[in-house]
Protein backbone atom coordinates (compact mmCIF):
# COMPACT_ATOMS: atom_id res chain seq x y z
CA MET A 1 112.48 15.49 41.45
CA GLN A 2 114.29 14.73 38.18
CA GLU A 3 117.58 14.25 40.05
CA TYR A 4 115.92 11.74 42.40
CA LYS A 5 114.66 9.75 39.41
CA THR A 6 118.11 9.92 37.79
CA VAL A 7 119.73 8.42 40.90
CA LEU A 8 117.15 5.62 41.01
CA LYS A 9 117.68 4.89 37.30
CA LYS A 10 121.39 4.53 38.04
CA TYR A 11 120.48 2.12 40.87
CA ALA A 12 123.87 0.42 41.28
CA VAL A 13 126.09 2.51 38.98
CA PHE A 14 129.28 3.28 40.84
CA ARG A 15 131.13 4.64 37.80
CA GLY A 16 130.94 8.16 36.52
CA ARG A 17 130.22 11.43 38.25
CA ALA A 18 127.26 13.08 39.99
CA SER A 19 126.85 16.83 40.28
CA ARG A 20 126.25 18.58 43.58
CA ARG A 21 122.68 19.27 42.53
CA GLU A 22 122.02 15.60 41.73
CA TYR A 23 123.47 14.48 45.07
CA TRP A 24 121.83 17.05 47.34
CA MET A 25 118.44 16.90 45.61
CA PHE A 26 118.51 13.12 46.08
CA ILE A 27 119.31 13.63 49.77
CA LEU A 28 116.47 16.16 50.13
CA PHE A 29 113.86 13.94 48.43
CA ASN A 30 115.17 10.96 50.37
CA ILE A 31 114.55 12.78 53.66
CA ILE A 32 111.07 13.83 52.53
CA ALA A 33 110.24 10.26 51.42
CA THR A 34 111.51 8.87 54.75
CA ILE A 35 109.27 11.27 56.68
CA ILE A 36 106.29 10.32 54.50
CA ALA A 37 107.07 6.61 55.05
CA ALA A 38 107.20 7.19 58.82
CA ILE A 39 103.82 8.94 58.72
CA VAL A 40 102.36 6.05 56.70
CA ASP A 41 103.77 3.64 59.31
CA VAL A 42 102.04 5.55 62.11
CA VAL A 43 98.75 5.64 60.21
CA LEU A 44 98.94 1.91 59.40
CA GLY A 45 100.05 1.04 62.93
CA THR A 46 103.28 -0.59 61.76
CA HIS A 47 105.53 1.87 63.62
CA LYS A 48 107.59 0.16 66.32
CA VAL A 49 107.81 1.73 69.78
CA SER A 50 110.06 0.07 72.34
CA THR A 51 109.29 -0.25 76.03
CA SER A 52 112.14 2.13 76.85
CA GLY A 53 110.36 4.98 75.05
CA GLY A 54 112.47 4.92 71.90
CA SER A 55 111.21 4.08 68.48
CA SER A 56 112.54 2.59 65.30
CA GLY A 57 111.32 2.64 61.75
CA GLY A 58 108.22 0.74 60.89
CA LEU A 59 107.61 -1.65 58.03
CA VAL A 60 107.12 0.94 55.25
CA GLN A 61 110.08 3.05 56.39
CA SER A 62 112.31 -0.02 56.67
CA LEU A 63 111.34 -1.24 53.18
CA TYR A 64 111.97 2.23 51.73
CA SER A 65 115.37 2.45 53.46
CA LEU A 66 116.31 -0.96 52.13
CA ALA A 67 115.23 0.03 48.60
CA VAL A 68 117.37 3.20 48.50
CA PHE A 69 120.40 1.83 50.38
CA ILE A 70 122.42 0.89 47.28
CA PRO A 71 121.45 4.01 45.26
CA SER A 72 122.48 6.17 48.23
CA ILE A 73 125.93 4.61 48.29
CA ALA A 74 126.21 4.78 44.49
CA VAL A 75 125.35 8.49 44.27
CA GLY A 76 127.77 9.22 47.13
CA VAL A 77 130.56 7.43 45.28
CA ARG A 78 129.75 9.27 42.04
CA ARG A 79 129.68 12.59 43.93
CA LEU A 80 133.18 11.91 45.29
CA HIS A 81 134.29 10.98 41.78
CA ASP A 82 133.05 14.39 40.63
CA THR A 83 135.57 16.01 42.98
CA SER A 84 138.34 13.67 41.70
CA ARG A 85 138.28 11.49 44.81
CA SER A 86 137.89 7.77 45.18
CA GLY A 87 134.60 6.42 46.49
CA TRP A 88 136.54 4.83 49.35
CA TRP A 89 136.50 8.25 51.06
CA MET A 90 132.92 7.39 52.06
CA LEU A 91 134.42 5.09 54.70
CA LEU A 92 136.31 7.92 56.43
CA PRO A 93 133.63 8.49 59.12
CA PHE A 94 134.08 4.85 60.17
CA ALA A 95 137.76 5.41 61.02
CA GLY A 96 136.72 5.89 64.63
CA VAL A 97 135.77 2.22 64.84
CA ILE A 98 139.39 1.33 64.08
CA PHE A 99 140.56 3.52 66.95
CA LEU A 100 138.06 1.83 69.23
CA LEU A 101 139.30 -1.63 68.26
CA VAL A 102 142.97 -0.69 68.56
CA MET A 103 142.53 0.92 71.97
CA PHE A 104 140.43 -1.87 73.47
CA TYR A 105 142.58 -1.98 76.61
CA ASN A 106 141.53 1.56 77.63
CA ILE A 107 137.91 1.76 76.55
CA ALA A 108 137.26 5.28 77.89
CA LEU A 109 140.17 6.80 75.95
CA GLY A 110 139.37 4.66 72.94
CA ALA A 111 135.75 5.82 72.94
CA ILE A 112 136.73 9.48 73.11
CA VAL A 113 139.26 9.12 70.30
CA ALA A 114 136.74 7.12 68.26
CA ILE A 115 134.05 9.79 68.62
CA ILE A 116 136.49 12.55 67.64
CA ALA A 117 137.73 10.52 64.66
CA MET A 118 134.15 9.88 63.51
CA LEU A 119 133.23 13.57 63.80
CA VAL A 120 136.32 14.60 61.85
CA GLY A 121 135.52 11.97 59.23
CA VAL A 122 131.93 13.17 58.88
CA ILE A 123 133.02 16.81 58.55
CA VAL A 124 135.73 16.04 55.97
CA THR A 125 133.36 13.86 53.93
CA LEU A 126 130.64 16.53 54.11
CA VAL A 127 133.11 19.13 52.81
CA PHE A 128 133.99 16.81 49.91
CA TYR A 129 130.30 16.46 49.05
CA CYS A 130 129.91 20.26 49.07
CA LEU A 131 132.91 21.01 46.83
CA ASP A 132 132.36 22.04 43.23
CA SER A 133 133.01 19.68 40.34
CA THR A 134 136.51 19.21 38.99
CA PRO A 135 136.50 21.27 35.77
CA GLY A 136 136.44 19.25 32.59
CA ASP A 137 136.93 15.52 32.39
CA ASN A 138 138.72 13.59 35.13
CA LYS A 139 139.67 9.92 35.43
CA TYR A 140 136.10 9.07 36.46
CA GLY A 141 134.40 10.54 33.40
CA PRO A 142 133.09 13.72 31.81
CA ASN A 143 131.93 16.70 33.82
CA PRO A 144 128.22 16.27 34.66
CA LYS A 145 127.74 20.01 34.16
CA GLY A 146 128.62 19.47 30.53
CA MET A 147 131.33 22.13 30.38
CA PRO A 148 134.62 20.86 28.95
CA ALA A 149 137.85 22.16 30.46
CA ALA A 150 138.70 24.11 27.27
CA VAL A 151 135.47 26.12 27.50
CA MET A 152 136.01 26.79 31.19
CA ALA A 153 139.60 27.90 30.56
CA ALA A 154 138.48 30.21 27.73
CA THR A 155 135.73 31.83 29.81
CA PRO A 156 137.03 35.18 31.04
CA ILE A 157 136.77 35.91 34.71
CA PRO A 158 135.19 39.33 35.24
CA ALA A 159 137.63 41.83 36.65
CA ALA A 160 136.86 43.51 39.91
CA ALA A 161 135.75 47.11 39.69
CA PRO A 162 138.70 49.49 40.09
CA THR A 163 138.73 51.32 43.36
CA GLU A 164 140.17 54.70 44.17
CA PRO A 165 143.32 54.53 46.27
CA MET A 166 142.80 55.60 49.83
CA MET A 167 144.24 59.07 50.32
CA PRO A 168 144.81 60.50 53.76
CA PRO A 169 142.50 63.40 54.55
CA GLN A 170 143.90 66.86 53.74
CA ALA A 171 144.31 69.15 56.72
């Protein structure tokens, strides 16, 4: 819960770095809050149901989504900064839209390429969000884990336990 509050306190801060824990805990609490907002919408009767059977967010859910829109982008940018990447990488999943616009003369092929490009963009961006922090300081700021590069470099890596060489069985 503390990470969620931290992200909200840094409402529109796009500078600096965010740890994996800060990012993913914000995502988790954001999902939980969205579900709670949807339940409140159903209870209050503000949930929208279309005539085609689909539904969209109600009033409370829409207001909540609007309130956390900028912090969600900001924490995503800071998370990418933590892996030494520009925040512009967040736009990678939207690369498929470019393919769709470029290939407007053959909409079927353009749509297939666009979907594949979007999926690749989502997967690549997700991998970036899951990567560990860049050790020490980077051009976006100090390590949010608080471990300077010198300490990390001086920390010995435990050696693997020695193993006996494999000897062929004696006959």
